[in-house]
Amino acid sequence: MKPAVSQVSVTINGRPYLISCDDGQEANLTRLGAYVDKRVSQLAAAIGKKVDEDRLLAMTTLLIADELSDAMTELDHLKKEKAADGQRKQAESAAARAVDGLAAKLEDIAARLERA
C-alpha cells in the first residue's frame, strides 16, 4: 500500500513552490523549505548584486551540499572515533582480565609456598 501524499507550499526567494510529500512529512518539508529560503537570502545578501534566480538557486544548492559534505565527514570521523574507543575499551577489558588472571596465579603460587 502506498503512503498517502500531501502537498506543502514552501516559499523560496519570494516564490511559492507546491511540493508533494508523504503524509506526516509536512512539518519537516516546511522546515527544510525555510532553511533553503534563509540560505538563499543570506547568499543573495553576501553577493550584494542582482543574480538571476537560477544561478542563485544553483549556488545555494552547492553551498548546502558543501555543508552536508562537511557534516557527513564529521559524522564519519565521530563513527571512527567511537569504533576506536570501543576497541580501546575492549583492549583495556582484556588487559584487566589478564591482570586478574595473573593475580589469581600469583595468589595460588603464594598459597602453595605457604603450605610448603
PDB file of N, CA and C in Angstrom:
ATOM      1  N   MET A   1       0.839  -1.185   0.000  1.00  0.00           N
ATOM      2  CA  MET A   1       0.000   0.000   0.000  1.00  0.00           C
ATOM      3  C   MET A   1       0.883   1.247   0.000  1.00  0.00           C
ATOM      4  N   LYS A   2       0.621   2.144  -0.894  1.00  0.00           N
ATOM      5  CA  LYS A   2       1.396   3.384  -0.991  1.00  0.00           C
ATOM      6  C   LYS A   2       1.000   4.336   0.128  1.00  0.00           C
ATOM      7  N   PRO A   3       2.004   5.072   0.665  1.00  0.00           N
ATOM      8  CA  PRO A   3       1.657   6.077   1.675  1.00  0.00           C
ATOM      9  C   PRO A   3       0.849   7.209   1.039  1.00  0.00           C
ATOM     10  N   ALA A   4      -0.017   7.797   1.825  1.00  0.00           N
ATOM     11  CA  ALA A   4      -0.801   8.936   1.342  1.00  0.00           C
ATOM     12  C   ALA A   4       0.137  10.094   1.042  1.00  0.00           C
ATOM     13  N   VAL A   5      -0.234  10.887   0.065  1.00  0.00           N
ATOM     14  CA  VAL A   5       0.606  12.003  -0.361  1.00  0.00           C
ATOM     15  C   VAL A   5      -0.072  13.319   0.019  1.00  0.00           C
ATOM     16  N   SER A   6       0.736  14.217   0.550  1.00  0.00           N
ATOM     17  CA  SER A   6       0.276  15.565   0.886  1.00  0.00           C
ATOM     18  C   SER A   6       1.022  16.557   0.009  1.00  0.00           C
ATOM     19  N   GLN A   7       0.572  17.777   0.026  1.00  0.00           N
ATOM     20  CA  GLN A   7       1.280  18.850  -0.675  1.00  0.00           C
ATOM     21  C   GLN A   7       1.504  19.990   0.296  1.00  0.00           C
ATOM     22  N   VAL A   8       2.684  20.562   0.196  1.00  0.00           N
ATOM     23  CA  VAL A   8       3.070  21.664   1.065  1.00  0.00           C
ATOM     24  C   VAL A   8       3.565  22.795   0.178  1.00  0.00           C
ATOM     25  N   SER A   9       3.193  23.995   0.532  1.00  0.00           N
ATOM     26  CA  SER A   9       3.693  25.158  -0.184  1.00  0.00           C
ATOM     27  C   SER A   9       4.876  25.726   0.589  1.00  0.00           C
ATOM     28  N   VAL A  10       6.030  25.789  -0.051  1.00  0.00           N
ATOM     29  CA  VAL A  10       7.195  26.413   0.554  1.00  0.00           C
ATOM     30  C   VAL A  10       7.561  27.624  -0.287  1.00  0.00           C
ATOM     31  N   THR A  11       8.036  28.658   0.361  1.00  0.00           N
ATOM     32  CA  THR A  11       8.430  29.871  -0.341  1.00  0.00           C
ATOM     33  C   THR A  11       9.936  29.999  -0.279  1.00  0.00           C
ATOM     34  N   ILE A  12      10.544  30.104  -1.465  1.00  0.00           N
ATOM     35  CA  ILE A  12      11.995  30.266  -1.565  1.00  0.00           C
ATOM     36  C   ILE A  12      12.265  31.470  -2.446  1.00  0.00           C
ATOM     37  N   ASN A  13      12.975  32.420  -1.879  1.00  0.00           N
ATOM     38  CA  ASN A  13      13.321  33.652  -2.587  1.00  0.00           C
ATOM     39  C   ASN A  13      12.063  34.368  -3.085  1.00  0.00           C
ATOM     40  N   GLY A  14      11.025  34.367  -2.236  1.00  0.00           N
ATOM     41  CA  GLY A  14       9.803  35.081  -2.567  1.00  0.00           C
ATOM     42  C   GLY A  14       8.863  34.349  -3.510  1.00  0.00           C
ATOM     43  N   ARG A  15       9.244  33.143  -3.938  1.00  0.00           N
ATOM     44  CA  ARG A  15       8.411  32.376  -4.861  1.00  0.00           C
ATOM     45  C   ARG A  15       7.836  31.154  -4.168  1.00  0.00           C
ATOM     46  N   PRO A  16       6.526  30.963  -4.285  1.00  0.00           N
ATOM     47  CA  PRO A  16       5.935  29.764  -3.675  1.00  0.00           C
ATOM     48  C   PRO A  16       6.131  28.539  -4.586  1.00  0.00           C
ATOM     49  N   TYR A  17       6.408  27.410  -3.960  1.00  0.00           N
ATOM     50  CA  TYR A  17       6.539  26.143  -4.676  1.00  0.00           C
ATOM     51  C   TYR A  17       5.638  25.126  -3.983  1.00  0.00           C
ATOM     52  N   LEU A  18       4.810  24.429  -4.747  1.00  0.00           N
ATOM     53  CA  LEU A  18       3.946  23.390  -4.208  1.00  0.00           C
ATOM     54  C   LEU A  18       4.709  22.070  -4.333  1.00  0.00           C
ATOM     55  N   ILE A  19       5.020  21.457  -3.185  1.00  0.00           N
ATOM     56  CA  ILE A  19       5.855  20.253  -3.144  1.00  0.00           C
ATOM     57  C   ILE A  19       5.043  19.106  -2.555  1.00  0.00           C
ATOM     58  N   SER A  20       5.110  17.943  -3.184  1.00  0.00           N
ATOM     59  CA  SER A  20       4.444  16.743  -2.670  1.00  0.00           C
ATOM     60  C   SER A  20       5.349  16.041  -1.666  1.00  0.00           C
ATOM     61  N   CYS A  21       4.715  15.430  -0.660  1.00  0.00           N
ATOM     62  CA  CYS A  21       5.457  14.668   0.339  1.00  0.00           C
ATOM     63  C   CYS A  21       4.539  13.614   0.933  1.00  0.00           C
ATOM     64  N   ASP A  22       5.122  12.658   1.631  1.00  0.00           N
ATOM     65  CA  ASP A  22       4.316  11.654   2.329  1.00  0.00           C
ATOM     66  C   ASP A  22       3.579  12.314   3.478  1.00  0.00           C
ATOM     67  N   ASP A  23       2.414  11.792   3.789  1.00  0.00           N
ATOM     68  CA  ASP A  23       1.677  12.284   4.959  1.00  0.00           C
ATOM     69  C   ASP A  23       2.576  12.199   6.184  1.00  0.00           C
ATOM     70  N   GLY A  24       2.524  13.222   7.004  1.00  0.00           N
ATOM     71  CA  GLY A  24       3.329  13.260   8.217  1.00  0.00           C
ATOM     72  C   GLY A  24       4.661  13.969   8.020  1.00  0.00           C
ATOM     73  N   GLN A  25       5.033  14.255   6.784  1.00  0.00           N
ATOM     74  CA  GLN A  25       6.310  14.908   6.498  1.00  0.00           C
ATOM     75  C   GLN A  25       6.165  16.405   6.234  1.00  0.00           C
ATOM     76  N   GLU A  26       4.965  16.911   6.390  1.00  0.00           N
ATOM     77  CA  GLU A  26       4.698  18.314   6.061  1.00  0.00           C
ATOM     78  C   GLU A  26       5.555  19.268   6.891  1.00  0.00           C
ATOM     79  N   ALA A  27       5.611  19.054   8.182  1.00  0.00           N
ATOM     80  CA  ALA A  27       6.370  19.956   9.058  1.00  0.00           C
ATOM     81  C   ALA A  27       7.853  19.927   8.709  1.00  0.00           C
ATOM     82  N   ASN A  28       8.371  18.736   8.427  1.00  0.00           N
ATOM     83  CA  ASN A  28       9.780  18.615   8.066  1.00  0.00           C
ATOM     84  C   ASN A  28      10.066  19.334   6.751  1.00  0.00           C
ATOM     85  N   LEU A  29       9.186  19.150   5.779  1.00  0.00           N
ATOM     86  CA  LEU A  29       9.364  19.813   4.489  1.00  0.00           C
ATOM     87  C   LEU A  29       9.272  21.329   4.633  1.00  0.00           C
ATOM     88  N   THR A  30       8.360  21.792   5.463  1.00  0.00           N
ATOM     89  CA  THR A  30       8.231  23.230   5.718  1.00  0.00           C
ATOM     90  C   THR A  30       9.512  23.778   6.356  1.00  0.00           C
ATOM     91  N   ARG A  31      10.062  23.013   7.320  1.00  0.00           N
ATOM     92  CA  ARG A  31      11.312  23.416   7.986  1.00  0.00           C
ATOM     93  C   ARG A  31      12.468  23.467   6.997  1.00  0.00           C
ATOM     94  N   LEU A  32      12.551  22.454   6.137  1.00  0.00           N
ATOM     95  CA  LEU A  32      13.622  22.431   5.133  1.00  0.00           C
ATOM     96  C   LEU A  32      13.481  23.579   4.133  1.00  0.00           C
ATOM     97  N   GLY A  33      12.243  23.849   3.723  1.00  0.00           N
ATOM     98  CA  GLY A  33      12.000  24.969   2.806  1.00  0.00           C
ATOM     99  C   GLY A  33      12.426  26.289   3.424  1.00  0.00           C
ATOM    100  N   ALA A  34      12.114  26.466   4.703  1.00  0.00           N
ATOM    101  CA  ALA A  34      12.515  27.697   5.401  1.00  0.00           C
ATOM    102  C   ALA A  34      14.031  27.800   5.472  1.00  0.00           C
ATOM    103  N   TYR A  35      14.707  26.662   5.681  1.00  0.00           N
ATOM    104  CA  TYR A  35      16.172  26.669   5.745  1.00  0.00           C
ATOM    105  C   TYR A  35      16.764  27.069   4.393  1.00  0.00           C
ATOM    106  N   VAL A  36      16.242  26.482   3.324  1.00  0.00           N
ATOM    107  CA  VAL A  36      16.740  26.820   1.983  1.00  0.00           C
ATOM    108  C   VAL A  36      16.480  28.296   1.695  1.00  0.00           C
ATOM    109  N   ASP A  37      15.298  28.789   2.032  1.00  0.00           N
ATOM    110  CA  ASP A  37      14.976  30.198   1.813  1.00  0.00           C
ATOM    111  C   ASP A  37      15.948  31.095   2.573  1.00  0.00           C
ATOM    112  N   LYS A  38      16.246  30.728   3.809  1.00  0.00           N
ATOM    113  CA  LYS A  38      17.195  31.505   4.625  1.00  0.00           C
ATOM    114  C   LYS A  38      18.576  31.528   3.976  1.00  0.00           C
ATOM    115  N   ARG A  39      19.037  30.360   3.496  1.00  0.00           N
ATOM    116  CA  ARG A  39      20.366  30.292   2.863  1.00  0.00           C
ATOM    117  C   ARG A  39      20.387  31.080   1.556  1.00  0.00           C
ATOM    118  N   VAL A  40      19.300  31.047   0.796  1.00  0.00           N
ATOM    119  CA  VAL A  40      19.211  31.833  -0.441  1.00  0.00           C
ATOM    120  C   VAL A  40      19.318  33.318  -0.101  1.00  0.00           C
ATOM    121  N   SER A  41      18.586  33.752   0.915  1.00  0.00           N
ATOM    122  CA  SER A  41      18.610  35.161   1.325  1.00  0.00           C
ATOM    123  C   SER A  41      20.000  35.577   1.788  1.00  0.00           C
ATOM    124  N   GLN A  42      20.646  34.712   2.572  1.00  0.00           N
ATOM    125  CA  GLN A  42      21.995  35.015   3.062  1.00  0.00           C
ATOM    126  C   GLN A  42      22.980  35.127   1.904  1.00  0.00           C
ATOM    127  N   LEU A  43      22.883  34.207   0.959  1.00  0.00           N
ATOM    128  CA  LEU A  43      23.794  34.234  -0.183  1.00  0.00           C
ATOM    129  C   LEU A  43      23.544  35.467  -1.041  1.00  0.00           C
ATOM    130  N   ALA A  44      22.286  35.791  -1.274  1.00  0.00           N
ATOM    131  CA  ALA A  44      21.947  36.978  -2.071  1.00  0.00           C
ATOM    132  C   ALA A  44      22.495  38.231  -1.400  1.00  0.00           C
ATOM    133  N   ALA A  45      22.377  38.309  -0.074  1.00  0.00           N
ATOM    134  CA  ALA A  45      22.896  39.469   0.662  1.00  0.00           C
ATOM    135  C   ALA A  45      24.416  39.510   0.596  1.00  0.00           C
ATOM    136  N   ALA A  46      25.057  38.355   0.664  1.00  0.00           N
ATOM    137  CA  ALA A  46      26.525  38.308   0.636  1.00  0.00           C
ATOM    138  C   ALA A  46      27.069  38.708  -0.736  1.00  0.00           C
ATOM    139  N   ILE A  47      26.355  38.308  -1.772  1.00  0.00           N
ATOM    140  CA  ILE A  47      26.796  38.652  -3.133  1.00  0.00           C
ATOM    141  C   ILE A  47      26.626  40.143  -3.367  1.00  0.00           C
ATOM    142  N   GLY A  48      25.519  40.675  -2.880  1.00  0.00           N
ATOM    143  CA  GLY A  48      25.305  42.113  -2.930  1.00  0.00           C
ATOM    144  C   GLY A  48      24.884  42.670  -4.266  1.00  0.00           C
ATOM    145  N   LYS A  49      24.851  41.864  -5.290  1.00  0.00           N
ATOM    146  CA  LYS A  49      24.375  42.359  -6.581  1.00  0.00           C
ATOM    147  C   LYS A  49      23.306  41.430  -7.091  1.00  0.00           C
ATOM    148  N   LYS A  50      22.560  41.899  -8.030  1.00  0.00           N
ATOM    149  CA  LYS A  50      21.455  41.106  -8.572  1.00  0.00           C
ATOM    150  C   LYS A  50      22.018  39.920  -9.361  1.00  0.00           C
ATOM    151  N   VAL A  51      21.596  38.721  -8.969  1.00  0.00           N
ATOM    152  CA  VAL A  51      21.990  37.491  -9.659  1.00  0.00           C
ATOM    153  C   VAL A  51      20.706  36.823 -10.116  1.00  0.00           C
ATOM    154  N   ASP A  52      20.712  36.259 -11.331  1.00  0.00           N
ATOM    155  CA  ASP A  52      19.482  35.626 -11.789  1.00  0.00           C
ATOM    156  C   ASP A  52      19.137  34.452 -10.872  1.00  0.00           C
ATOM    157  N   GLU A  53      17.844  34.183 -10.763  1.00  0.00           N
ATOM    158  CA  GLU A  53      17.346  33.212  -9.781  1.00  0.00           C
ATOM    159  C   GLU A  53      17.916  31.814  -9.999  1.00  0.00           C
ATOM    160  N   ASP A  54      18.051  31.386 -11.236  1.00  0.00           N
ATOM    161  CA  ASP A  54      18.595  30.048 -11.500  1.00  0.00           C
ATOM    162  C   ASP A  54      20.010  29.917 -10.925  1.00  0.00           C
ATOM    163  N   ARG A  55      20.825  30.917 -11.174  1.00  0.00           N
ATOM    164  CA  ARG A  55      22.202  30.893 -10.682  1.00  0.00           C
ATOM    165  C   ARG A  55      22.228  30.962  -9.154  1.00  0.00           C
ATOM    166  N   LEU A  56      21.370  31.801  -8.583  1.00  0.00           N
ATOM    167  CA  LEU A  56      21.301  31.933  -7.127  1.00  0.00           C
ATOM    168  C   LEU A  56      20.908  30.607  -6.483  1.00  0.00           C
ATOM    169  N   LEU A  57      19.905  29.930  -7.058  1.00  0.00           N
ATOM    170  CA  LEU A  57      19.477  28.639  -6.510  1.00  0.00           C
ATOM    171  C   LEU A  57      20.560  27.580  -6.695  1.00  0.00           C
ATOM    172  N   ALA A  58      21.258  27.600  -7.829  1.00  0.00           N
ATOM    173  CA  ALA A  58      22.344  26.639  -8.052  1.00  0.00           C
ATOM    174  C   ALA A  58      23.472  26.870  -7.037  1.00  0.00           C
ATOM    175  N   MET A  59      23.819  28.130  -6.807  1.00  0.00           N
ATOM    176  CA  MET A  59      24.880  28.448  -5.839  1.00  0.00           C
ATOM    177  C   MET A  59      24.461  28.027  -4.427  1.00  0.00           C
ATOM    178  N   THR A  60      23.197  28.256  -4.092  1.00  0.00           N
ATOM    179  CA  THR A  60      22.696  27.868  -2.771  1.00  0.00           C
ATOM    180  C   THR A  60      22.717  26.354  -2.619  1.00  0.00           C
ATOM    181  N   THR A  61      22.319  25.649  -3.666  1.00  0.00           N
ATOM    182  CA  THR A  61      22.352  24.185  -3.631  1.00  0.00           C
ATOM    183  C   THR A  61      23.768  23.690  -3.393  1.00  0.00           C
ATOM    184  N   LEU A  62      24.728  24.281  -4.055  1.00  0.00           N
ATOM    185  CA  LEU A  62      26.127  23.888  -3.862  1.00  0.00           C
ATOM    186  C   LEU A  62      26.603  24.210  -2.444  1.00  0.00           C
ATOM    187  N   LEU A  63      26.166  25.353  -1.929  1.00  0.00           N
ATOM    188  CA  LEU A  63      26.514  25.719  -0.550  1.00  0.00           C
ATOM    189  C   LEU A  63      25.956  24.706   0.444  1.00  0.00           C
ATOM    190  N   ILE A  64      24.703  24.322   0.271  1.00  0.00           N
ATOM    191  CA  ILE A  64      24.071  23.349   1.159  1.00  0.00           C
ATOM    192  C   ILE A  64      24.727  21.978   0.991  1.00  0.00           C
ATOM    193  N   ALA A  65      25.075  21.609  -0.241  1.00  0.00           N
ATOM    194  CA  ALA A  65      25.763  20.339  -0.485  1.00  0.00           C
ATOM    195  C   ALA A  65      27.119  20.332   0.226  1.00  0.00           C
ATOM    196  N   ASP A  66      27.798  21.475   0.242  1.00  0.00           N
ATOM    197  CA  ASP A  66      29.074  21.590   0.945  1.00  0.00           C
ATOM    198  C   ASP A  66      28.870  21.413   2.452  1.00  0.00           C
ATOM    199  N   GLU A  67      27.818  22.030   2.983  1.00  0.00           N
ATOM    200  CA  GLU A  67      27.503  21.870   4.412  1.00  0.00           C
ATOM    201  C   GLU A  67      27.221  20.404   4.727  1.00  0.00           C
ATOM    202  N   LEU A  68      26.460  19.736   3.852  1.00  0.00           N
ATOM    203  CA  LEU A  68      26.136  18.331   4.041  1.00  0.00           C
ATOM    204  C   LEU A  68      27.399  17.474   3.980  1.00  0.00           C
ATOM    205  N   SER A  69      28.259  17.780   3.039  1.00  0.00           N
ATOM    206  CA  SER A  69      29.515  17.039   2.912  1.00  0.00           C
ATOM    207  C   SER A  69      30.355  17.180   4.178  1.00  0.00           C
ATOM    208  N   ASP A  70      30.453  18.404   4.689  1.00  0.00           N
ATOM    209  CA  ASP A  70      31.200  18.629   5.937  1.00  0.00           C
ATOM    210  C   ASP A  70      30.581  17.851   7.094  1.00  0.00           C
ATOM    211  N   ALA A  71      29.252  17.851   7.169  1.00  0.00           N
ATOM    212  CA  ALA A  71      28.557  17.135   8.248  1.00  0.00           C
ATOM    213  C   ALA A  71      28.783  15.633   8.125  1.00  0.00           C
ATOM    214  N   MET A  72      28.754  15.113   6.905  1.00  0.00           N
ATOM    215  CA  MET A  72      28.983  13.680   6.703  1.00  0.00           C
ATOM    216  C   MET A  72      30.419  13.299   7.043  1.00  0.00           C
ATOM    217  N   THR A  73      31.364  14.157   6.704  1.00  0.00           N
ATOM    218  CA  THR A  73      32.765  13.906   7.050  1.00  0.00           C
ATOM    219  C   THR A  73      32.932  13.887   8.565  1.00  0.00           C
ATOM    220  N   GLU A  74      32.314  14.839   9.259  1.00  0.00           N
ATOM    221  CA  GLU A  74      32.380  14.891  10.719  1.00  0.00           C
ATOM    222  C   GLU A  74      31.723  13.651  11.336  1.00  0.00           C
ATOM    223  N   LEU A  75      30.587  13.239  10.793  1.00  0.00           N
ATOM    224  CA  LEU A  75      29.902  12.047  11.287  1.00  0.00           C
ATOM    225  C   LEU A  75      30.777  10.817  11.093  1.00  0.00           C
ATOM    226  N   ASP A  76      31.407  10.713   9.940  1.00  0.00           N
ATOM    227  CA  ASP A  76      32.314   9.599   9.666  1.00  0.00           C
ATOM    228  C   ASP A  76      33.467   9.595  10.663  1.00  0.00           C
ATOM    229  N   HIS A  77      34.015  10.776  10.925  1.00  0.00           N
ATOM    230  CA  HIS A  77      35.107  10.915  11.894  1.00  0.00           C
ATOM    231  C   HIS A  77      34.643  10.463  13.280  1.00  0.00           C
ATOM    232  N   LEU A  78      33.457  10.882  13.687  1.00  0.00           N
ATOM    233  CA  LEU A  78      32.928  10.510  15.001  1.00  0.00           C
ATOM    234  C   LEU A  78      32.675   9.005  15.094  1.00  0.00           C
ATOM    235  N   LYS A  79      32.191   8.408  13.998  1.00  0.00           N
ATOM    236  CA  LYS A  79      31.970   6.959  13.988  1.00  0.00           C
ATOM    237  C   LYS A  79      33.293   6.212  14.146  1.00  0.00           C
ATOM    238  N   LYS A  80      34.315   6.674  13.434  1.00  0.00           N
ATOM    239  CA  LYS A  80      35.633   6.036  13.546  1.00  0.00           C
ATOM    240  C   LYS A  80      36.197   6.212  14.949  1.00  0.00           C
ATOM    241  N   GLU A  81      36.002   7.400  15.508  1.00  0.00           N
ATOM    242  CA  GLU A  81      36.467   7.685  16.863  1.00  0.00           C
ATOM    243  C   GLU A  81      35.754   6.772  17.870  1.00  0.00           C
ATOM    244  N   LYS A  82      34.462   6.599  17.679  1.00  0.00           N
ATOM    245  CA  LYS A  82      33.682   5.735  18.566  1.00  0.00           C
ATOM    246  C   LYS A  82      34.146   4.285  18.442  1.00  0.00           C
ATOM    247  N   ALA A  83      34.401   3.845  17.201  1.00  0.00           N
ATOM    248  CA  ALA A  83      34.880   2.477  16.989  1.00  0.00           C
ATOM    249  C   ALA A  83      36.242   2.285  17.648  1.00  0.00           C
ATOM    250  N   ALA A  84      37.121   3.278  17.502  1.00  0.00           N
ATOM    251  CA  ALA A  84      38.447   3.193  18.128  1.00  0.00           C
ATOM    252  C   ALA A  84      38.309   3.175  19.643  1.00  0.00           C
ATOM    253  N   ASP A  85      37.377   3.970  20.166  1.00  0.00           N
ATOM    254  CA  ASP A  85      37.142   3.987  21.611  1.00  0.00           C
ATOM    255  C   ASP A  85      36.641   2.618  22.077  1.00  0.00           C
ATOM    256  N   GLY A  86      35.759   2.006  21.290  1.00  0.00           N
ATOM    257  CA  GLY A  86      35.257   0.674  21.614  1.00  0.00           C
ATOM    258  C   GLY A  86      36.369  -0.357  21.606  1.00  0.00           C
ATOM    259  N   GLN A  87      37.268  -0.253  20.615  1.00  0.00           N
ATOM    260  CA  GLN A  87      38.411  -1.173  20.554  1.00  0.00           C
ATOM    261  C   GLN A  87      39.343  -0.953  21.739  1.00  0.00           C
ATOM    262  N   ARG A  88      39.519   0.300  22.111  1.00  0.00           N
ATOM    263  CA  ARG A  88      40.370   0.631  23.253  1.00  0.00           C
ATOM    264  C   ARG A  88      39.772   0.054  24.537  1.00  0.00           C
ATOM    265  N   LYS A  89      38.452   0.183  24.684  1.00  0.00           N
ATOM    266  CA  LYS A  89      37.777  -0.365  25.865  1.00  0.00           C
ATOM    267  C   LYS A  89      37.888  -1.878  25.895  1.00  0.00           C
ATOM    268  N   GLN A  90      37.763  -2.518  24.725  1.00  0.00           N
ATOM    269  CA  GLN A  90      37.915  -3.974  24.669  1.00  0.00           C
ATOM    270  C   GLN A  90      39.328  -4.380  25.065  1.00  0.00           C
ATOM    271  N   ALA A  91      40.327  -3.641  24.578  1.00  0.00           N
ATOM    272  CA  ALA A  91      41.714  -3.951  24.917  1.00  0.00           C
ATOM    273  C   ALA A  91      41.959  -3.752  26.412  1.00  0.00           C
ATOM    274  N   GLU A  92      41.400  -2.673  26.976  1.00  0.00           N
ATOM    275  CA  GLU A  92      41.546  -2.425  28.409  1.00  0.00           C
ATOM    276  C   GLU A  92      40.881  -3.532  29.220  1.00  0.00           C
ATOM    277  N   SER A  93      39.718  -3.979  28.768  1.00  0.00           N
ATOM    278  CA  SER A  93      38.999  -5.046  29.454  1.00  0.00           C
ATOM    279  C   SER A  93      39.793  -6.353  29.384  1.00  0.00           C
ATOM    280  N   ALA A  94      40.365  -6.644  28.214  1.00  0.00           N
ATOM    281  CA  ALA A  94      41.182  -7.852  28.063  1.00  0.00           C
ATOM    282  C   ALA A  94      42.421  -7.769  28.948  1.00  0.00           C
ATOM    283  N   ALA A  95      43.021  -6.593  29.006  1.00  0.00           N
ATOM    284  CA  ALA A  95      44.201  -6.413  29.866  1.00  0.00           C
ATOM    285  C   ALA A  95      43.828  -6.589  31.333  1.00  0.00           C
ATOM    286  N   ALA A  96      42.674  -6.065  31.733  1.00  0.00           N
ATOM    287  CA  ALA A  96      42.218  -6.206  33.124  1.00  0.00           C
ATOM    288  C   ALA A  96      41.983  -7.676  33.455  1.00  0.00           C
ATOM    289  N   ARG A  97      41.379  -8.414  32.509  1.00  0.00           N
ATOM    290  CA  ARG A  97      41.160  -9.848  32.739  1.00  0.00           C
ATOM    291  C   ARG A  97      42.492 -10.581  32.859  1.00  0.00           C
ATOM    292  N   ALA A  98      43.458 -10.200  32.019  1.00  0.00           N
ATOM    293  CA  ALA A  98      44.784 -10.834  32.074  1.00  0.00           C
ATOM    294  C   ALA A  98      45.462 -10.547  33.410  1.00  0.00           C
ATOM    295  N   VAL A  99      45.357  -9.293  33.877  1.00  0.00           N
ATOM    296  CA  VAL A  99      45.951  -8.934  35.176  1.00  0.00           C
ATOM    297  C   VAL A  99      45.262  -9.706  36.293  1.00  0.00           C
ATOM    298  N   ASP A 100      43.935  -9.816  36.234  1.00  0.00           N
ATOM    299  CA  ASP A 100      43.193 -10.586  37.235  1.00  0.00           C
ATOM    300  C   ASP A 100      43.647 -12.039  37.227  1.00  0.00           C
ATOM    301  N   GLY A 101      43.833 -12.589  36.018  1.00  0.00           N
ATOM    302  CA  GLY A 101      44.303 -13.978  35.895  1.00  0.00           C
ATOM    303  C   GLY A 101      45.682 -14.153  36.484  1.00  0.00           C
ATOM    304  N   LEU A 102      46.567 -13.201  36.198  1.00  0.00           N
ATOM    305  CA  LEU A 102      47.924 -13.268  36.760  1.00  0.00           C
ATOM    306  C   LEU A 102      47.892 -13.128  38.279  1.00  0.00           C
ATOM    307  N   ALA A 103      47.048 -12.240  38.773  1.00  0.00           N
ATOM    308  CA  ALA A 103      46.932 -12.060  40.225  1.00  0.00           C
ATOM    309  C   ALA A 103      46.455 -13.356  40.875  1.00  0.00           C
ATOM    310  N   ALA A 104      45.499 -14.026  40.255  1.00  0.00           N
ATOM    311  CA  ALA A 104      44.999 -15.297  40.800  1.00  0.00           C
ATOM    312  C   ALA A 104      46.104 -16.336  40.801  1.00  0.00           C
ATOM    313  N   LYS A 105      46.896 -16.397  39.733  1.00  0.00           N
ATOM    314  CA  LYS A 105      48.010 -17.353  39.673  1.00  0.00           C
ATOM    315  C   LYS A 105      49.038 -17.036  40.749  1.00  0.00           C
ATOM    316  N   LEU A 106      49.345 -15.745  40.946  1.00  0.00           N
ATOM    317  CA  LEU A 106      50.308 -15.356  41.976  1.00  0.00           C
ATOM    318  C   LEU A 106      49.795 -15.721  43.364  1.00  0.00           C
ATOM    319  N   GLU A 107      48.501 -15.493  43.589  1.00  0.00           N
ATOM    320  CA  GLU A 107      47.917 -15.858  44.882  1.00  0.00           C
ATOM    321  C   GLU A 107      47.989 -17.370  45.082  1.00  0.00           C
ATOM    322  N   ASP A 108      47.754 -18.131  44.037  1.00  0.00           N
ATOM    323  CA  ASP A 108      47.833 -19.586  44.117  1.00  0.00           C
ATOM    324  C   ASP A 108      49.262 -20.026  44.437  1.00  0.00           C
ATOM    325  N   ILE A 109      50.227 -19.424  43.761  1.00  0.00           N
ATOM    326  CA  ILE A 109      51.647 -19.748  43.994  1.00  0.00           C
ATOM    327  C   ILE A 109      52.007 -19.387  45.433  1.00  0.00           C
ATOM    328  N   ALA A 110      51.572 -18.207  45.897  1.00  0.00           N
ATOM    329  CA  ALA A 110      51.871 -17.781  47.250  1.00  0.00           C
ATOM    330  C   ALA A 110      51.251 -18.744  48.258  1.00  0.00           C
ATOM    331  N   ALA A 111      50.046 -19.202  47.996  1.00  0.00           N
ATOM    332  CA  ALA A 111      49.358 -20.143  48.915  1.00  0.00           C
ATOM    333  C   ALA A 111      50.131 -21.464  48.955  1.00  0.00           C
ATOM    334  N   ARG A 112      50.603 -21.945  47.783  1.00  0.00           N
ATOM    335  CA  ARG A 112      51.359 -23.196  47.753  1.00  0.00           C
ATOM    336  C   ARG A 112      52.692 -23.045  48.476  1.00  0.00           C
ATOM    337  N   LEU A 113      53.296 -21.866  48.333  1.00  0.00           N
ATOM    338  CA  LEU A 113      54.571 -21.631  49.030  1.00  0.00           C
ATOM    339  C   LEU A 113      54.365 -21.616  50.537  1.00  0.00           C
ATOM    340  N   GLU A 114      53.261 -21.053  51.005  1.00  0.00           N
ATOM    341  CA  GLU A 114      52.977 -21.011  52.430  1.00  0.00           C
ATOM    342  C   GLU A 114      52.769 -22.420  52.971  1.00  0.00           C
ATOM    343  N   ARG A 115      52.157 -23.300  52.199  1.00  0.00           N
ATOM    344  CA  ARG A 115      51.917 -24.654  52.641  1.00  0.00           C
ATOM    345  C   ARG A 115      53.180 -25.503  52.615  1.00  0.00           C
ATOM    346  N   ALA A 116      54.145 -25.099  51.803  1.00  0.00           N
ATOM    347  CA  ALA A 116      55.358 -25.918  51.656  1.00  0.00           C
ATOM    348  C   ALA A 116      56.295 -25.762  52.828  1.00  0.00           C
TER     349      ALA A 116
END
